[in-house]
Amino acid sequence: MSLSDLTDLLTGATGGLDQLCSTLISQFAPASAQGDIAILAARIGYTA
């Protein structure tokens, strides 16, 4: 996946941060990944 793919994924995100993190993990981490993966995500300027 490229930076462009990441940008498209983040731009099209409509769910909460939990959903965003789950989507990032499923798209970028191989199914057989061993160990921990950390994602720091923040929504700036978001009003519900």
Protein backbone atom coordinates (compact mmCIF):
# COMPACT_ATOMS: atom_id res chain seq x y z
CA MET A 1 0.00 0.00 0.00
CA SER A 2 1.17 3.49 -0.77
CA LEU A 3 0.81 6.87 0.90
CA SER A 4 -1.90 7.62 -1.65
CA ASP A 5 -3.80 4.49 -0.54
CA LEU A 6 -3.52 5.59 3.09
CA THR A 7 -4.76 9.10 2.21
CA ASP A 8 -7.75 7.66 0.34
CA LEU A 9 -8.58 5.37 3.24
CA LEU A 10 -8.40 8.19 5.79
CA THR A 11 -10.31 10.67 3.62
CA GLY A 12 -13.17 8.22 3.11
CA ALA A 13 -13.46 7.26 6.80
CA THR A 14 -16.97 7.80 8.12
CA GLY A 15 -17.06 5.72 11.31
CA GLY A 16 -15.51 6.34 14.69
CA LEU A 17 -11.85 6.08 15.54
CA ASP A 18 -12.23 2.44 16.63
CA GLN A 19 -13.56 1.57 13.17
CA LEU A 20 -10.80 3.57 11.51
CA CYS A 21 -8.09 1.72 13.47
CA SER A 22 -9.66 -1.65 12.66
CA THR A 23 -9.76 -0.74 8.97
CA LEU A 24 -6.12 0.38 9.01
CA ILE A 25 -5.02 -2.85 10.68
CA SER A 26 -6.95 -5.00 8.21
CA GLN A 27 -5.55 -3.11 5.21
CA PHE A 28 -1.92 -2.68 6.24
CA ALA A 29 -1.03 -5.57 8.57
CA PRO A 30 -0.49 -9.02 7.11
CA ALA A 31 -2.81 -11.67 8.50
CA SER A 32 0.16 -13.57 9.91
CA ALA A 33 1.71 -10.58 11.71
CA GLN A 34 3.33 -11.48 15.01
CA GLY A 35 3.67 -8.94 17.79
CA ASP A 36 1.95 -5.70 18.63
CA ILE A 37 0.83 -2.96 16.28
CA ALA A 38 0.16 0.56 17.55
CA ILE A 39 -1.85 3.25 15.77
CA LEU A 40 -2.25 6.79 16.98
CA ALA A 41 -5.32 8.41 15.43
CA ALA A 42 -6.98 11.72 16.19
CA ARG A 43 -9.85 13.48 14.55
CA ILE A 44 -9.17 17.23 14.49
CA GLY A 45 -11.93 19.76 14.02
CA TYR A 46 -14.63 17.11 14.20
CA THR A 47 -18.02 18.04 15.59
CA ALA A 48 -20.71 15.46 16.15
